């Protein structure tokens, strides 16, 4: 499988900050408008 393209200009950021693109940790899924469903947290917690 080939390398997946990233819409956030990961290659440009890696070049700007001086590291290899494969060393980046992609956290883009952490800002999804559709979060993972979680149960309500009790007030006593």
PDB file of N, CA and C in Angstrom:
ATOM      1  N   UNK A   1       0.848  -1.167   0.000  1.00  0.00           N
ATOM      2  CA  UNK A   1       0.000   0.000   0.000  1.00  0.00           C
ATOM      3  C   UNK A   1       0.898   1.236   0.000  1.00  0.00           C
ATOM      4  N   UNK A   2       0.547   2.232  -0.801  1.00  0.00           N
ATOM      5  CA  UNK A   2       1.315   3.463  -0.870  1.00  0.00           C
ATOM      6  C   UNK A   2       1.019   4.387   0.291  1.00  0.00           C
ATOM      7  N   UNK A   3       1.787   5.429   0.357  1.00  0.00           N
ATOM      8  CA  UNK A   3       1.599   6.406   1.430  1.00  0.00           C
ATOM      9  C   UNK A   3       0.316   7.196   1.208  1.00  0.00           C
ATOM     10  N   UNK A   4      -0.453   7.351   2.235  1.00  0.00           N
ATOM     11  CA  UNK A   4      -1.708   8.087   2.175  1.00  0.00           C
ATOM     12  C   UNK A   4      -1.425   9.583   2.169  1.00  0.00           C
ATOM     13  N   UNK A   5      -2.093  10.311   1.295  1.00  0.00           N
ATOM     14  CA  UNK A   5      -1.949  11.767   1.285  1.00  0.00           C
ATOM     15  C   UNK A   5      -2.715  12.349   2.470  1.00  0.00           C
ATOM     16  N   UNK A   6      -2.206  13.422   3.015  1.00  0.00           N
ATOM     17  CA  UNK A   6      -2.819  14.076   4.163  1.00  0.00           C
ATOM     18  C   UNK A   6      -3.244  15.472   3.753  1.00  0.00           C
ATOM     19  N   UNK A   7      -4.452  15.857   4.059  1.00  0.00           N
ATOM     20  CA  UNK A   7      -4.963  17.159   3.659  1.00  0.00           C
ATOM     21  C   UNK A   7      -4.414  18.320   4.455  1.00  0.00           C
ATOM     22  N   UNK A   8      -3.670  18.066   5.511  1.00  0.00           N
ATOM     23  CA  UNK A   8      -3.167  19.141   6.354  1.00  0.00           C
ATOM     24  C   UNK A   8      -1.757  19.596   6.027  1.00  0.00           C
ATOM     25  N   UNK A   9      -1.271  19.291   4.816  1.00  0.00           N
ATOM     26  CA  UNK A   9       0.081  19.688   4.404  1.00  0.00           C
ATOM     27  C   UNK A   9       1.147  19.167   5.363  1.00  0.00           C
ATOM     28  N   UNK A  10       1.052  17.898   5.715  1.00  0.00           N
ATOM     29  CA  UNK A  10       2.004  17.293   6.646  1.00  0.00           C
ATOM     30  C   UNK A  10       3.429  17.366   6.111  1.00  0.00           C
ATOM     31  N   UNK A  11       3.609  17.159   4.805  1.00  0.00           N
ATOM     32  CA  UNK A  11       4.957  17.229   4.226  1.00  0.00           C
ATOM     33  C   UNK A  11       5.545  18.626   4.378  1.00  0.00           C
ATOM     34  N   UNK A  12       4.726  19.639   4.150  1.00  0.00           N
ATOM     35  CA  UNK A  12       5.181  21.028   4.277  1.00  0.00           C
ATOM     36  C   UNK A  12       5.560  21.345   5.727  1.00  0.00           C
ATOM     37  N   UNK A  13       4.749  20.892   6.672  1.00  0.00           N
ATOM     38  CA  UNK A  13       5.036  21.130   8.088  1.00  0.00           C
ATOM     39  C   UNK A  13       6.315  20.417   8.514  1.00  0.00           C
ATOM     40  N   UNK A  14       6.495  19.182   8.059  1.00  0.00           N
ATOM     41  CA  UNK A  14       7.696  18.423   8.411  1.00  0.00           C
ATOM     42  C   UNK A  14       8.942  19.123   7.885  1.00  0.00           C
ATOM     43  N   UNK A  15       8.871  19.609   6.655  1.00  0.00           N
ATOM     44  CA  UNK A  15      10.013  20.319   6.067  1.00  0.00           C
ATOM     45  C   UNK A  15      10.297  21.611   6.840  1.00  0.00           C
ATOM     46  N   UNK A  16       9.250  22.355   7.167  1.00  0.00           N
ATOM     47  CA  UNK A  16       9.406  23.628   7.885  1.00  0.00           C
ATOM     48  C   UNK A  16      10.050  23.426   9.253  1.00  0.00           C
ATOM     49  N   UNK A  17       9.650  22.370   9.969  1.00  0.00           N
ATOM     50  CA  UNK A  17      10.145  22.158  11.324  1.00  0.00           C
ATOM     51  C   UNK A  17      11.302  21.170  11.411  1.00  0.00           C
ATOM     52  N   UNK A  18      11.742  20.644  10.263  1.00  0.00           N
ATOM     53  CA  UNK A  18      12.961  19.850  10.207  1.00  0.00           C
ATOM     54  C   UNK A  18      12.865  18.410  10.678  1.00  0.00           C
ATOM     55  N   UNK A  19      11.781  17.717  10.363  1.00  0.00           N
ATOM     56  CA  UNK A  19      11.699  16.299  10.696  1.00  0.00           C
ATOM     57  C   UNK A  19      11.038  15.548   9.551  1.00  0.00           C
ATOM     58  N   UNK A  20      11.110  14.234   9.593  1.00  0.00           N
ATOM     59  CA  UNK A  20      10.548  13.399   8.533  1.00  0.00           C
ATOM     60  C   UNK A  20       9.031  13.274   8.698  1.00  0.00           C
ATOM     61  N   UNK A  21       8.284  13.344   7.594  1.00  0.00           N
ATOM     62  CA  UNK A  21       6.822  13.224   7.684  1.00  0.00           C
ATOM     63  C   UNK A  21       6.367  11.945   8.388  1.00  0.00           C
ATOM     64  N   UNK A  22       7.096  10.841   8.209  1.00  0.00           N
ATOM     65  CA  UNK A  22       6.688   9.585   8.847  1.00  0.00           C
ATOM     66  C   UNK A  22       6.892   9.611  10.364  1.00  0.00           C
ATOM     67  N   UNK A  23       7.606  10.614  10.873  1.00  0.00           N
ATOM     68  CA  UNK A  23       7.792  10.749  12.319  1.00  0.00           C
ATOM     69  C   UNK A  23       6.666  11.545  12.975  1.00  0.00           C
ATOM     70  N   UNK A  24       5.737  12.043  12.167  1.00  0.00           N
ATOM     71  CA  UNK A  24       4.627  12.832  12.703  1.00  0.00           C
ATOM     72  C   UNK A  24       3.541  11.918  13.255  1.00  0.00           C
ATOM     73  N   UNK A  25       2.874  12.360  14.286  1.00  0.00           N
ATOM     74  CA  UNK A  25       1.720  11.659  14.836  1.00  0.00           C
ATOM     75  C   UNK A  25       0.480  12.424  14.393  1.00  0.00           C
ATOM     76  N   UNK A  26      -0.362  11.799  13.611  1.00  0.00           N
ATOM     77  CA  UNK A  26      -1.547  12.448  13.058  1.00  0.00           C
ATOM     78  C   UNK A  26      -2.666  12.449  14.095  1.00  0.00           C
ATOM     79  N   UNK A  27      -2.966  13.615  14.610  1.00  0.00           N
ATOM     80  CA  UNK A  27      -4.031  13.753  15.611  1.00  0.00           C
ATOM     81  C   UNK A  27      -5.297  14.350  15.006  1.00  0.00           C
ATOM     82  N   UNK A  28      -5.356  14.395  13.682  1.00  0.00           N
ATOM     83  CA  UNK A  28      -6.487  15.040  13.033  1.00  0.00           C
ATOM     84  C   UNK A  28      -7.819  14.378  13.371  1.00  0.00           C
ATOM     85  N   UNK A  29      -7.828  13.106  13.678  1.00  0.00           N
ATOM     86  CA  UNK A  29      -9.090  12.461  14.038  1.00  0.00           C
ATOM     87  C   UNK A  29      -9.568  12.908  15.410  1.00  0.00           C
ATOM     88  N   UNK A  30      -8.695  13.512  16.191  1.00  0.00           N
ATOM     89  CA  UNK A  30      -9.064  14.001  17.515  1.00  0.00           C
ATOM     90  C   UNK A  30      -9.923  15.251  17.475  1.00  0.00           C
ATOM     91  N   UNK A  31     -10.111  15.825  16.286  1.00  0.00           N
ATOM     92  CA  UNK A  31     -10.927  17.026  16.169  1.00  0.00           C
ATOM     93  C   UNK A  31     -12.161  16.771  15.309  1.00  0.00           C
ATOM     94  N   UNK A  32     -12.562  15.526  15.230  1.00  0.00           N
ATOM     95  CA  UNK A  32     -13.724  15.161  14.431  1.00  0.00           C
ATOM     96  C   UNK A  32     -14.984  15.798  15.011  1.00  0.00           C
ATOM     97  N   UNK A  33     -15.863  16.311  14.145  1.00  0.00           N
ATOM     98  CA  UNK A  33     -17.131  16.850  14.650  1.00  0.00           C
ATOM     99  C   UNK A  33     -18.083  15.741  15.108  1.00  0.00           C
ATOM    100  N   UNK A  34     -17.708  14.492  14.848  1.00  0.00           N
ATOM    101  CA  UNK A  34     -18.521  13.347  15.261  1.00  0.00           C
ATOM    102  C   UNK A  34     -17.727  12.526  16.268  1.00  0.00           C
ATOM    103  N   UNK A  35     -17.714  12.937  17.527  1.00  0.00           N
ATOM    104  CA  UNK A  35     -16.886  12.248  18.520  1.00  0.00           C
ATOM    105  C   UNK A  35     -17.384  10.838  18.818  1.00  0.00           C
ATOM    106  N   UNK A  36     -16.486  10.048  19.399  1.00  0.00           N
ATOM    107  CA  UNK A  36     -16.829   8.701  19.829  1.00  0.00           C
ATOM    108  C   UNK A  36     -17.864   8.806  20.941  1.00  0.00           C
ATOM    109  N   UNK A  37     -18.964   8.051  20.855  1.00  0.00           N
ATOM    110  CA  UNK A  37     -19.994   8.145  21.895  1.00  0.00           C
ATOM    111  C   UNK A  37     -19.480   7.625  23.242  1.00  0.00           C
ATOM    112  N   UNK A  38     -19.696   8.400  24.268  1.00  0.00           N
ATOM    113  CA  UNK A  38     -19.272   8.015  25.617  1.00  0.00           C
ATOM    114  C   UNK A  38     -20.457   8.179  26.565  1.00  0.00           C
ATOM    115  N   UNK A  39     -20.514   7.365  27.607  1.00  0.00           N
ATOM    116  CA  UNK A  39     -21.620   7.488  28.562  1.00  0.00           C
ATOM    117  C   UNK A  39     -21.506   8.782  29.369  1.00  0.00           C
ATOM    118  N   UNK A  40     -22.620   9.215  29.930  1.00  0.00           N
ATOM    119  CA  UNK A  40     -22.600  10.385  30.810  1.00  0.00           C
ATOM    120  C   UNK A  40     -21.754  10.091  32.041  1.00  0.00           C
ATOM    121  N   UNK A  41     -21.062  11.107  32.525  1.00  0.00           N
ATOM    122  CA  UNK A  41     -20.230  10.968  33.723  1.00  0.00           C
ATOM    123  C   UNK A  41     -21.071  11.373  34.930  1.00  0.00           C
ATOM    124  N   UNK A  42     -21.187  10.505  35.931  1.00  0.00           N
ATOM    125  CA  UNK A  42     -21.992  10.837  37.109  1.00  0.00           C
ATOM    126  C   UNK A  42     -21.421  12.059  37.838  1.00  0.00           C
ATOM    127  N   UNK A  43     -22.288  12.866  38.421  1.00  0.00           N
ATOM    128  CA  UNK A  43     -21.855  14.062  39.142  1.00  0.00           C
ATOM    129  C   UNK A  43     -20.941  13.714  40.314  1.00  0.00           C
ATOM    130  N   UNK A  44     -21.119  12.529  40.904  1.00  0.00           N
ATOM    131  CA  UNK A  44     -20.307  12.117  42.049  1.00  0.00           C
ATOM    132  C   UNK A  44     -18.883  11.734  41.651  1.00  0.00           C
ATOM    133  N   UNK A  45     -18.627  11.616  40.373  1.00  0.00           N
ATOM    134  CA  UNK A  45     -17.283  11.221  39.920  1.00  0.00           C
ATOM    135  C   UNK A  45     -16.404  12.388  40.068  1.00  0.00           C
TER     136      UNK A  45
END
